[in-house]
PDB file of all heavy atoms in Angstrom:
ATOM      1  N   GLU A   1       0.864  -1.205   0.003  1.00  0.00           N
ATOM      2  CA  GLU A   1       0.018   0.068   0.064  1.00  0.00           C
ATOM      3  C   GLU A   1       0.866   1.280   0.066  1.00  0.00           C
ATOM      4  O   GLU A   1       0.478   2.294  -0.603  1.00  0.00           O
ATOM      5  CB  GLU A   1      -0.906  -0.036   1.286  1.00  0.00           C
ATOM      6  CG  GLU A   1      -1.787   1.167   1.484  1.00  0.00           C
ATOM      7  CD  GLU A   1      -2.591   1.044   2.608  1.00  0.00           C
ATOM      8  OE1 GLU A   1      -2.892  -0.081   3.115  1.00  0.00           O
ATOM      9  OE2 GLU A   1      -2.848   2.117   3.278  1.00  0.00           O
ATOM     10  N   PHE A   2       1.985   1.242   0.652  1.00  0.00           N
ATOM     11  CA  PHE A   2       2.986   2.301   0.765  1.00  0.00           C
ATOM     12  C   PHE A   2       3.989   2.304  -0.249  1.00  0.00           C
ATOM     13  O   PHE A   2       4.830   3.229  -0.341  1.00  0.00           O
ATOM     14  CB  PHE A   2       3.515   2.377   2.213  1.00  0.00           C
ATOM     15  CG  PHE A   2       2.603   2.968   3.197  1.00  0.00           C
ATOM     16  CD1 PHE A   2       1.756   2.124   3.921  1.00  0.00           C
ATOM     17  CD2 PHE A   2       2.648   4.275   3.491  1.00  0.00           C
ATOM     18  CE1 PHE A   2       0.944   2.655   4.922  1.00  0.00           C
ATOM     19  CE2 PHE A   2       1.693   4.760   4.445  1.00  0.00           C
ATOM     20  CZ  PHE A   2       0.890   4.021   5.068  1.00  0.00           C
ATOM     21  N   GLY A   3       4.036   1.239  -1.115  1.00  0.00           N
ATOM     22  CA  GLY A   3       5.074   1.183  -2.268  1.00  0.00           C
ATOM     23  C   GLY A   3       6.418   0.940  -1.641  1.00  0.00           C
ATOM     24  O   GLY A   3       7.477   1.172  -2.178  1.00  0.00           O
ATOM     25  N   VAL A   4       6.497   0.260  -0.459  1.00  0.00           N
ATOM     26  CA  VAL A   4       7.742  -0.128   0.100  1.00  0.00           C
ATOM     27  C   VAL A   4       8.244  -1.531  -0.359  1.00  0.00           C
ATOM     28  O   VAL A   4       7.455  -2.557  -0.269  1.00  0.00           O
ATOM     29  CB  VAL A   4       7.670  -0.026   1.637  1.00  0.00           C
ATOM     30  CG1 VAL A   4       8.981  -0.616   2.267  1.00  0.00           C
ATOM     31  CG2 VAL A   4       7.324   1.318   2.176  1.00  0.00           C
ATOM     32  N   PRO A   5       9.445  -1.558  -0.909  1.00  0.00           N
ATOM     33  CA  PRO A   5       9.995  -2.950  -1.237  1.00  0.00           C
ATOM     34  C   PRO A   5      10.294  -3.748  -0.072  1.00  0.00           C
ATOM     35  O   PRO A   5      10.622  -3.410   0.875  1.00  0.00           O
ATOM     36  CB  PRO A   5      11.251  -2.562  -2.085  1.00  0.00           C
ATOM     37  CG  PRO A   5      11.712  -1.186  -1.541  1.00  0.00           C
ATOM     38  CD  PRO A   5      10.410  -0.546  -1.108  1.00  0.00           C
ATOM     39  N   TYR A   6      10.173  -5.045  -0.229  1.00  0.00           N
ATOM     40  CA  TYR A   6      10.234  -5.963   0.696  1.00  0.00           C
ATOM     41  C   TYR A   6      10.777  -7.427   0.138  1.00  0.00           C
ATOM     42  O   TYR A   6      10.529  -7.624  -1.024  1.00  0.00           O
ATOM     43  CB  TYR A   6       8.955  -6.277   1.616  1.00  0.00           C
ATOM     44  CG  TYR A   6       7.911  -6.818   0.712  1.00  0.00           C
ATOM     45  CD1 TYR A   6       7.731  -8.267   0.781  1.00  0.00           C
ATOM     46  CD2 TYR A   6       7.023  -6.087  -0.036  1.00  0.00           C
ATOM     47  CE1 TYR A   6       6.809  -8.866  -0.088  1.00  0.00           C
ATOM     48  CE2 TYR A   6       6.047  -6.684  -0.847  1.00  0.00           C
ATOM     49  CZ  TYR A   6       5.978  -8.033  -0.846  1.00  0.00           C
ATOM     50  OH  TYR A   6       5.038  -8.597  -1.678  1.00  0.00           O
ATOM     51  N   GLU A   7      11.200  -8.241   1.021  1.00  0.00           N
ATOM     52  CA  GLU A   7      11.478  -9.637   0.719  1.00  0.00           C
ATOM     53  C   GLU A   7      11.009 -10.452   1.962  1.00  0.00           C
ATOM     54  O   GLU A   7      11.129  -9.946   3.115  1.00  0.00           O
ATOM     55  CB  GLU A   7      12.960  -9.942   0.554  1.00  0.00           C
ATOM     56  CG  GLU A   7      13.547  -9.510  -0.666  1.00  0.00           C
ATOM     57  CD  GLU A   7      15.009  -9.926  -0.742  1.00  0.00           C
ATOM     58  OE1 GLU A   7      15.499 -10.880  -0.017  1.00  0.00           O
ATOM     59  OE2 GLU A   7      15.788  -9.310  -1.544  1.00  0.00           O
ATOM     60  N   ALA A   8      10.376 -11.632   1.745  1.00  0.00           N
ATOM     61  CA  ALA A   8       9.868 -12.474   2.803  1.00  0.00           C
ATOM     62  C   ALA A   8      10.587 -13.748   2.735  1.00  0.00           C
ATOM     63  O   ALA A   8      10.777 -14.289   1.596  1.00  0.00           O
ATOM     64  CB  ALA A   8       8.391 -12.502   2.687  1.00  0.00           C
ATOM     65  N   HIS A   9      10.876 -14.354   3.848  1.00  0.00           N
ATOM     66  CA  HIS A   9      11.604 -15.624   3.879  1.00  0.00           C
ATOM     67  C   HIS A   9      11.105 -16.410   5.155  1.00  0.00           C
ATOM     68  O   HIS A   9      10.601 -15.697   6.106  1.00  0.00           O
ATOM     69  CB  HIS A   9      13.139 -15.409   4.107  1.00  0.00           C
ATOM     70  CG  HIS A   9      13.757 -14.574   3.000  1.00  0.00           C
ATOM     71  ND1 HIS A   9      14.096 -15.108   1.815  1.00  0.00           N
ATOM     72  CD2 HIS A   9      13.987 -13.322   2.840  1.00  0.00           C
ATOM     73  CE1 HIS A   9      14.612 -14.288   0.996  1.00  0.00           C
ATOM     74  NE2 HIS A   9      14.551 -13.090   1.519  1.00  0.00           N
ATOM     75  N   ILE A  10      11.355 -17.694   5.134  1.00  0.00           N
ATOM     76  CA  ILE A  10      11.065 -18.488   6.189  1.00  0.00           C
ATOM     77  C   ILE A  10      12.548 -18.992   6.783  1.00  0.00           C
ATOM     78  O   ILE A  10      13.225 -19.702   5.997  1.00  0.00           O
ATOM     79  CB  ILE A  10      10.238 -19.760   5.983  1.00  0.00           C
ATOM     80  CG1 ILE A  10       8.761 -19.355   5.505  1.00  0.00           C
ATOM     81  CG2 ILE A  10      10.200 -20.711   7.172  1.00  0.00           C
ATOM     82  CD1 ILE A  10       8.060 -20.442   5.074  1.00  0.00           C
ATOM     83  N   PHE A  11      12.826 -18.599   7.900  1.00  0.00           N
ATOM     84  CA  PHE A  11      14.032 -19.013   8.587  1.00  0.00           C
ATOM     85  C   PHE A  11      13.651 -19.250  10.200  1.00  0.00           C
ATOM     86  O   PHE A  11      13.118 -18.284  10.707  1.00  0.00           O
ATOM     87  CB  PHE A  11      15.238 -17.920   8.505  1.00  0.00           C
ATOM     88  CG  PHE A  11      15.738 -17.555   7.256  1.00  0.00           C
ATOM     89  CD1 PHE A  11      15.754 -16.312   6.720  1.00  0.00           C
ATOM     90  CD2 PHE A  11      16.148 -18.706   6.457  1.00  0.00           C
ATOM     91  CE1 PHE A  11      16.285 -16.065   5.434  1.00  0.00           C
ATOM     92  CE2 PHE A  11      16.694 -18.406   5.152  1.00  0.00           C
ATOM     93  CZ  PHE A  11      16.750 -16.990   4.683  1.00  0.00           C
ATOM     94  N   SER A  12      13.960 -20.293  10.577  1.00  0.00           N
ATOM     95  CA  SER A  12      13.673 -20.572  12.059  1.00  0.00           C
ATOM     96  C   SER A  12      15.018 -20.347  12.919  1.00  0.00           C
ATOM     97  O   SER A  12      16.074 -20.780  12.519  1.00  0.00           O
ATOM     98  CB  SER A  12      13.360 -22.167  12.166  1.00  0.00           C
ATOM     99  OG  SER A  12      13.379 -22.510  13.487  1.00  0.00           O
ATOM    100  N   ALA A  13      14.664 -19.670  14.027  1.00  0.00           N
ATOM    101  CA  ALA A  13      15.813 -19.503  14.918  1.00  0.00           C
ATOM    102  C   ALA A  13      16.340 -20.876  15.597  1.00  0.00           C
ATOM    103  O   ALA A  13      17.548 -20.879  15.907  1.00  0.00           O
ATOM    104  CB  ALA A  13      15.310 -18.604  16.276  1.00  0.00           C
ATOM    105  N   HIS A  14      15.616 -21.840  15.466  1.00  0.00           N
ATOM    106  CA  HIS A  14      16.027 -23.167  15.991  1.00  0.00           C
ATOM    107  C   HIS A  14      16.293 -24.158  14.986  1.00  0.00           C
ATOM    108  O   HIS A  14      17.292 -24.983  15.103  1.00  0.00           O
ATOM    109  CB  HIS A  14      14.900 -23.758  16.924  1.00  0.00           C
ATOM    110  CG  HIS A  14      14.540 -22.760  17.957  1.00  0.00           C
ATOM    111  ND1 HIS A  14      13.442 -21.844  17.989  1.00  0.00           N
ATOM    112  CD2 HIS A  14      15.202 -22.450  19.136  1.00  0.00           C
ATOM    113  CE1 HIS A  14      13.415 -21.158  19.113  1.00  0.00           C
ATOM    114  NE2 HIS A  14      14.448 -21.382  19.814  1.00  0.00           N
ATOM    115  N   ARG A  15      15.616 -24.181  13.888  1.00  0.00           N
ATOM    116  CA  ARG A  15      15.792 -25.262  12.910  1.00  0.00           C
ATOM    117  C   ARG A  15      16.756 -24.812  11.712  1.00  0.00           C
ATOM    118  O   ARG A  15      17.449 -25.708  11.106  1.00  0.00           O
ATOM    119  CB  ARG A  15      14.443 -25.687  12.294  1.00  0.00           C
ATOM    120  CG  ARG A  15      13.708 -26.372  13.331  1.00  0.00           C
ATOM    121  CD  ARG A  15      12.286 -26.798  12.757  1.00  0.00           C
ATOM    122  NE  ARG A  15      11.474 -25.662  12.385  1.00  0.00           N
ATOM    123  CZ  ARG A  15      10.521 -25.037  13.096  1.00  0.00           C
ATOM    124  NH1 ARG A  15      10.331 -25.421  14.381  1.00  0.00           N
ATOM    125  NH2 ARG A  15       9.875 -24.005  12.607  1.00  0.00           N
ATOM    126  N   THR A  16      16.877 -23.459  11.491  1.00  0.00           N
ATOM    127  CA  THR A  16      17.862 -22.880  10.390  1.00  0.00           C
ATOM    128  C   THR A  16      18.525 -21.688  11.075  1.00  0.00           C
ATOM    129  O   THR A  16      18.555 -20.710  10.465  1.00  0.00           O
ATOM    130  CB  THR A  16      17.068 -22.603   9.113  1.00  0.00           C
ATOM    131  OG1 THR A  16      16.132 -21.589   9.427  1.00  0.00           O
ATOM    132  CG2 THR A  16      16.468 -23.849   8.456  1.00  0.00           C
ATOM    133  N   PRO A  17      19.217 -21.876  12.133  1.00  0.00           N
ATOM    134  CA  PRO A  17      19.850 -20.770  12.811  1.00  0.00           C
ATOM    135  C   PRO A  17      20.959 -20.115  11.960  1.00  0.00           C
ATOM    136  O   PRO A  17      21.082 -18.915  12.003  1.00  0.00           O
ATOM    137  CB  PRO A  17      20.360 -21.313  14.031  1.00  0.00           C
ATOM    138  CG  PRO A  17      20.480 -22.807  13.961  1.00  0.00           C
ATOM    139  CD  PRO A  17      19.449 -23.134  12.976  1.00  0.00           C
ATOM    140  N   ALA A  18      21.722 -20.874  11.236  1.00  0.00           N
ATOM    141  CA  ALA A  18      22.863 -20.415  10.450  1.00  0.00           C
ATOM    142  C   ALA A  18      22.236 -19.489   9.331  1.00  0.00           C
ATOM    143  O   ALA A  18      22.789 -18.465   9.094  1.00  0.00           O
ATOM    144  CB  ALA A  18      23.684 -21.526   9.878  1.00  0.00           C
ATOM    145  N   GLU A  19      21.219 -19.924   8.707  1.00  0.00           N
ATOM    146  CA  GLU A  19      20.607 -19.128   7.619  1.00  0.00           C
ATOM    147  C   GLU A  19      19.981 -17.888   8.105  1.00  0.00           C
ATOM    148  O   GLU A  19      20.083 -16.807   7.505  1.00  0.00           O
ATOM    149  CB  GLU A  19      19.608 -19.999   6.817  1.00  0.00           C
ATOM    150  CG  GLU A  19      20.141 -21.092   6.095  1.00  0.00           C
ATOM    151  CD  GLU A  19      20.414 -22.339   6.915  1.00  0.00           C
ATOM    152  OE1 GLU A  19      20.272 -22.380   8.043  1.00  0.00           O
ATOM    153  OE2 GLU A  19      21.001 -23.325   6.277  1.00  0.00           O
ATOM    154  N   ALA A  20      19.314 -18.005   9.274  1.00  0.00           N
ATOM    155  CA  ALA A  20      18.754 -16.820   9.847  1.00  0.00           C
ATOM    156  C   ALA A  20      19.748 -15.776  10.189  1.00  0.00           C
ATOM    157  O   ALA A  20      19.699 -14.569   9.994  1.00  0.00           O
ATOM    158  CB  ALA A  20      17.947 -17.226  11.236  1.00  0.00           C
ATOM    159  N   ALA A  21      20.865 -16.193  10.813  1.00  0.00           N
ATOM    160  CA  ALA A  21      21.941 -15.415  11.241  1.00  0.00           C
ATOM    161  C   ALA A  21      22.658 -14.749   9.976  1.00  0.00           C
ATOM    162  O   ALA A  21      22.963 -13.471   9.974  1.00  0.00           O
ATOM    163  CB  ALA A  21      22.968 -16.126  12.077  1.00  0.00           C
ATOM    164  N   GLU A  22      22.795 -15.521   8.990  1.00  0.00           N
ATOM    165  CA  GLU A  22      23.557 -15.046   7.728  1.00  0.00           C
ATOM    166  C   GLU A  22      22.587 -13.868   7.183  1.00  0.00           C
ATOM    167  O   GLU A  22      23.049 -12.850   6.789  1.00  0.00           O
ATOM    168  CB  GLU A  22      23.705 -16.120   6.709  1.00  0.00           C
ATOM    169  CG  GLU A  22      24.286 -15.661   5.366  1.00  0.00           C
ATOM    170  CD  GLU A  22      24.486 -16.923   4.369  1.00  0.00           C
ATOM    171  OE1 GLU A  22      23.914 -17.890   4.609  1.00  0.00           O
ATOM    172  OE2 GLU A  22      25.151 -16.568   3.428  1.00  0.00           O
ATOM    173  N   PHE A  23      21.274 -14.149   7.022  1.00  0.00           N
ATOM    174  CA  PHE A  23      20.417 -13.146   6.460  1.00  0.00           C
ATOM    175  C   PHE A  23      20.569 -11.776   7.274  1.00  0.00           C
ATOM    176  O   PHE A  23      20.667 -10.734   6.707  1.00  0.00           O
ATOM    177  CB  PHE A  23      18.894 -13.606   6.537  1.00  0.00           C
ATOM    178  CG  PHE A  23      17.963 -12.479   5.979  1.00  0.00           C
ATOM    179  CD1 PHE A  23      17.706 -12.377   4.716  1.00  0.00           C
ATOM    180  CD2 PHE A  23      17.440 -11.631   6.860  1.00  0.00           C
ATOM    181  CE1 PHE A  23      16.879 -11.338   4.210  1.00  0.00           C
ATOM    182  CE2 PHE A  23      16.713 -10.565   6.542  1.00  0.00           C
ATOM    183  CZ  PHE A  23      16.339 -10.430   5.130  1.00  0.00           C
ATOM    184  N   ALA A  24      20.530 -11.905   8.549  1.00  0.00           N
ATOM    185  CA  ALA A  24      20.635 -10.744   9.490  1.00  0.00           C
ATOM    186  C   ALA A  24      21.901 -10.033   9.319  1.00  0.00           C
ATOM    187  O   ALA A  24      22.006  -8.850   9.263  1.00  0.00           O
ATOM    188  CB  ALA A  24      20.348 -11.120  10.882  1.00  0.00           C
ATOM    189  N   ARG A  25      23.011 -10.666   9.374  1.00  0.00           N
ATOM    190  CA  ARG A  25      24.370 -10.131   9.206  1.00  0.00           C
ATOM    191  C   ARG A  25      24.610  -9.498   7.942  1.00  0.00           C
ATOM    192  O   ARG A  25      25.260  -8.436   7.842  1.00  0.00           O
ATOM    193  CB  ARG A  25      25.485 -11.273   9.404  1.00  0.00           C
ATOM    194  CG  ARG A  25      25.718 -11.639  10.792  1.00  0.00           C
ATOM    195  CD  ARG A  25      27.034 -12.605  10.786  1.00  0.00           C
ATOM    196  NE  ARG A  25      27.044 -13.688  10.002  1.00  0.00           N
ATOM    197  CZ  ARG A  25      26.613 -14.890  10.287  1.00  0.00           C
ATOM    198  NH1 ARG A  25      26.059 -15.193  11.510  1.00  0.00           N
ATOM    199  NH2 ARG A  25      26.669 -15.849   9.395  1.00  0.00           N
ATOM    200  N   GLU A  26      23.927  -9.958   6.877  1.00  0.00           N
ATOM    201  CA  GLU A  26      24.168  -9.360   5.550  1.00  0.00           C
ATOM    202  C   GLU A  26      22.924  -8.373   5.135  1.00  0.00           C
ATOM    203  O   GLU A  26      23.025  -7.751   4.018  1.00  0.00           O
ATOM    204  CB  GLU A  26      24.259 -10.463   4.491  1.00  0.00           C
ATOM    205  CG  GLU A  26      25.498 -11.361   4.754  1.00  0.00           C
ATOM    206  CD  GLU A  26      25.553 -12.516   3.801  1.00  0.00           C
ATOM    207  OE1 GLU A  26      24.584 -12.701   2.896  1.00  0.00           O
ATOM    208  OE2 GLU A  26      26.541 -13.389   3.923  1.00  0.00           O
ATOM    209  N   ALA A  27      21.988  -8.160   5.897  1.00  0.00           N
ATOM    210  CA  ALA A  27      20.862  -7.482   5.615  1.00  0.00           C
ATOM    211  C   ALA A  27      21.236  -6.016   5.095  1.00  0.00           C
ATOM    212  O   ALA A  27      20.623  -5.445   4.174  1.00  0.00           O
ATOM    213  CB  ALA A  27      19.869  -7.388   6.753  1.00  0.00           C
ATOM    214  N   ALA A  28      22.005  -5.276   5.993  1.00  0.00           N
ATOM    215  CA  ALA A  28      22.194  -3.880   5.718  1.00  0.00           C
ATOM    216  C   ALA A  28      22.987  -3.720   4.356  1.00  0.00           C
ATOM    217  O   ALA A  28      22.622  -2.919   3.537  1.00  0.00           O
ATOM    218  CB  ALA A  28      23.085  -3.316   6.783  1.00  0.00           C
ATOM    219  N   GLU A  29      24.014  -4.602   4.033  1.00  0.00           N
ATOM    220  CA  GLU A  29      24.624  -4.528   2.816  1.00  0.00           C
ATOM    221  C   GLU A  29      23.849  -5.008   1.657  1.00  0.00           C
ATOM    222  O   GLU A  29      24.089  -4.647   0.506  1.00  0.00           O
ATOM    223  CB  GLU A  29      26.027  -5.221   2.886  1.00  0.00           C
ATOM    224  CG  GLU A  29      25.912  -6.840   3.010  1.00  0.00           C
ATOM    225  CD  GLU A  29      27.268  -7.425   3.255  1.00  0.00           C
ATOM    226  OE1 GLU A  29      27.888  -6.997   4.168  1.00  0.00           O
ATOM    227  OE2 GLU A  29      27.535  -8.415   2.566  1.00  0.00           O
ATOM    228  N   ASN A  30      22.783  -5.736   1.961  1.00  0.00           N
ATOM    229  CA  ASN A  30      21.847  -6.133   0.913  1.00  0.00           C
ATOM    230  C   ASN A  30      20.629  -5.158   0.729  1.00  0.00           C
ATOM    231  O   ASN A  30      19.666  -5.564  -0.001  1.00  0.00           O
ATOM    232  CB  ASN A  30      21.281  -7.596   1.107  1.00  0.00           C
ATOM    233  CG  ASN A  30      22.364  -8.530   0.947  1.00  0.00           C
ATOM    234  OD1 ASN A  30      23.285  -8.358   0.157  1.00  0.00           O
ATOM    235  ND2 ASN A  30      22.382  -9.710   1.683  1.00  0.00           N
ATOM    236  N   GLY A  31      20.753  -3.929   1.211  1.00  0.00           N
ATOM    237  CA  GLY A  31      19.732  -2.920   1.039  1.00  0.00           C
ATOM    238  C   GLY A  31      18.586  -2.945   1.941  1.00  0.00           C
ATOM    239  O   GLY A  31      17.569  -2.175   1.584  1.00  0.00           O
ATOM    240  N   PHE A  32      18.594  -3.593   3.029  1.00  0.00           N
ATOM    241  CA  PHE A  32      17.447  -3.627   3.937  1.00  0.00           C
ATOM    242  C   PHE A  32      17.667  -2.461   4.953  1.00  0.00           C
ATOM    243  O   PHE A  32      18.735  -2.127   5.321  1.00  0.00           O
ATOM    244  CB  PHE A  32      17.347  -4.913   4.686  1.00  0.00           C
ATOM    245  CG  PHE A  32      16.959  -6.043   3.713  1.00  0.00           C
ATOM    246  CD1 PHE A  32      17.838  -6.942   3.276  1.00  0.00           C
ATOM    247  CD2 PHE A  32      15.645  -6.326   3.569  1.00  0.00           C
ATOM    248  CE1 PHE A  32      17.568  -7.869   2.414  1.00  0.00           C
ATOM    249  CE2 PHE A  32      15.256  -7.324   2.630  1.00  0.00           C
ATOM    250  CZ  PHE A  32      16.217  -8.097   2.078  1.00  0.00           C
ATOM    251  N   GLY A  33      16.507  -1.893   5.450  1.00  0.00           N
ATOM    252  CA  GLY A  33      16.643  -0.761   6.406  1.00  0.00           C
ATOM    253  C   GLY A  33      15.935  -1.269   7.712  1.00  0.00           C
ATOM    254  O   GLY A  33      16.160  -0.618   8.785  1.00  0.00           O
ATOM    255  N   VAL A  34      15.017  -2.262   7.659  1.00  0.00           N
ATOM    256  CA  VAL A  34      14.335  -2.728   8.800  1.00  0.00           C
ATOM    257  C   VAL A  34      14.088  -4.151   8.551  1.00  0.00           C
ATOM    258  O   VAL A  34      13.842  -4.654   7.510  1.00  0.00           O
ATOM    259  CB  VAL A  34      12.958  -1.969   8.892  1.00  0.00           C
ATOM    260  CG1 VAL A  34      12.213  -2.493  10.175  1.00  0.00           C
ATOM    261  CG2 VAL A  34      13.131  -0.471   9.020  1.00  0.00           C
ATOM    262  N   ILE A  35      13.979  -4.909   9.661  1.00  0.00           N
ATOM    263  CA  ILE A  35      13.503  -6.352   9.581  1.00  0.00           C
ATOM    264  C   ILE A  35      12.526  -6.532  10.536  1.00  0.00           C
ATOM    265  O   ILE A  35      12.406  -6.172  11.596  1.00  0.00           O
ATOM    266  CB  ILE A  35      14.760  -7.327  10.039  1.00  0.00           C
ATOM    267  CG1 ILE A  35      16.005  -7.057   9.066  1.00  0.00           C
ATOM    268  CG2 ILE A  35      14.305  -8.770   9.849  1.00  0.00           C
ATOM    269  CD1 ILE A  35      17.230  -7.747   9.550  1.00  0.00           C
ATOM    270  N   ILE A  36      11.315  -7.302   9.952  1.00  0.00           N
ATOM    271  CA  ILE A  36      10.279  -7.731  10.721  1.00  0.00           C
ATOM    272  C   ILE A  36      10.482  -9.192  11.013  1.00  0.00           C
ATOM    273  O   ILE A  36      10.759  -9.881   9.948  1.00  0.00           O
ATOM    274  CB  ILE A  36       8.890  -7.538  10.044  1.00  0.00           C
ATOM    275  CG1 ILE A  36       8.633  -6.022   9.916  1.00  0.00           C
ATOM    276  CG2 ILE A  36       7.802  -8.109  10.765  1.00  0.00           C
ATOM    277  CD1 ILE A  36       7.472  -5.697   8.910  1.00  0.00           C
ATOM    278  N   ALA A  37      10.236  -9.682  12.096  1.00  0.00           N
ATOM    279  CA  ALA A  37      10.369 -11.178  12.537  1.00  0.00           C
ATOM    280  C   ALA A  37       9.061 -11.582  13.200  1.00  0.00           C
ATOM    281  O   ALA A  37       8.812 -11.137  14.179  1.00  0.00           O
ATOM    282  CB  ALA A  37      11.634 -11.416  13.358  1.00  0.00           C
ATOM    283  N   ALA A  38       8.479 -12.526  12.570  1.00  0.00           N
ATOM    284  CA  ALA A  38       7.272 -13.009  13.046  1.00  0.00           C
ATOM    285  C   ALA A  38       7.314 -14.506  13.425  1.00  0.00           C
ATOM    286  O   ALA A  38       7.883 -15.364  12.685  1.00  0.00           O
ATOM    287  CB  ALA A  38       6.079 -12.996  11.944  1.00  0.00           C
ATOM    288  N   ALA A  39       7.006 -14.784  14.665  1.00  0.00           N
ATOM    289  CA  ALA A  39       7.155 -16.141  15.195  1.00  0.00           C
ATOM    290  C   ALA A  39       6.113 -16.424  16.387  1.00  0.00           C
ATOM    291  O   ALA A  39       5.833 -15.513  17.109  1.00  0.00           O
ATOM    292  CB  ALA A  39       8.503 -16.461  15.622  1.00  0.00           C
ATOM    293  N   GLY A  40       5.755 -17.674  16.471  1.00  0.00           N
ATOM    294  CA  GLY A  40       4.882 -18.118  17.600  1.00  0.00           C
ATOM    295  C   GLY A  40       5.709 -19.026  18.431  1.00  0.00           C
ATOM    296  O   GLY A  40       6.898 -19.281  18.362  1.00  0.00           O
ATOM    297  N   MET A  41       4.978 -19.468  19.523  1.00  0.00           N
ATOM    298  CA  MET A  41       5.560 -20.398  20.506  1.00  0.00           C
ATOM    299  C   MET A  41       6.762 -19.781  21.121  1.00  0.00           C
ATOM    300  O   MET A  41       6.710 -18.731  21.794  1.00  0.00           O
ATOM    301  CB  MET A  41       5.685 -21.810  19.914  1.00  0.00           C
ATOM    302  CG  MET A  41       4.364 -22.344  19.440  1.00  0.00           C
ATOM    303  SD  MET A  41       4.619 -24.019  18.811  1.00  0.00           S
ATOM    304  CE  MET A  41       4.655 -24.951  20.309  1.00  0.00           C
ATOM    305  N   ALA A  42       7.916 -20.333  21.003  1.00  0.00           N
ATOM    306  CA  ALA A  42       9.116 -19.820  21.810  1.00  0.00           C
ATOM    307  C   ALA A  42       9.492 -18.428  21.353  1.00  0.00           C
ATOM    308  O   ALA A  42      10.034 -17.698  21.997  1.00  0.00           O
ATOM    309  CB  ALA A  42      10.226 -20.844  21.620  1.00  0.00           C
ATOM    310  N   ALA A  43       9.219 -18.253  20.004  1.00  0.00           N
ATOM    311  CA  ALA A  43       9.415 -16.959  19.351  1.00  0.00           C
ATOM    312  C   ALA A  43      10.793 -16.142  19.686  1.00  0.00           C
ATOM    313  O   ALA A  43      10.801 -14.961  19.867  1.00  0.00           O
ATOM    314  CB  ALA A  43       8.237 -16.002  19.917  1.00  0.00           C
TER     315      ALA A  43
END
């Protein structure tokens, strides 16, 4: 609605921790300005 570019991914803090960490570490250099993280249960 606001014309903001985004990317959505599934990464688990417990089942794919390396991939989640890599995404976060490289996010700024990959053009991200904010990260939204949605999770239930242990969250």
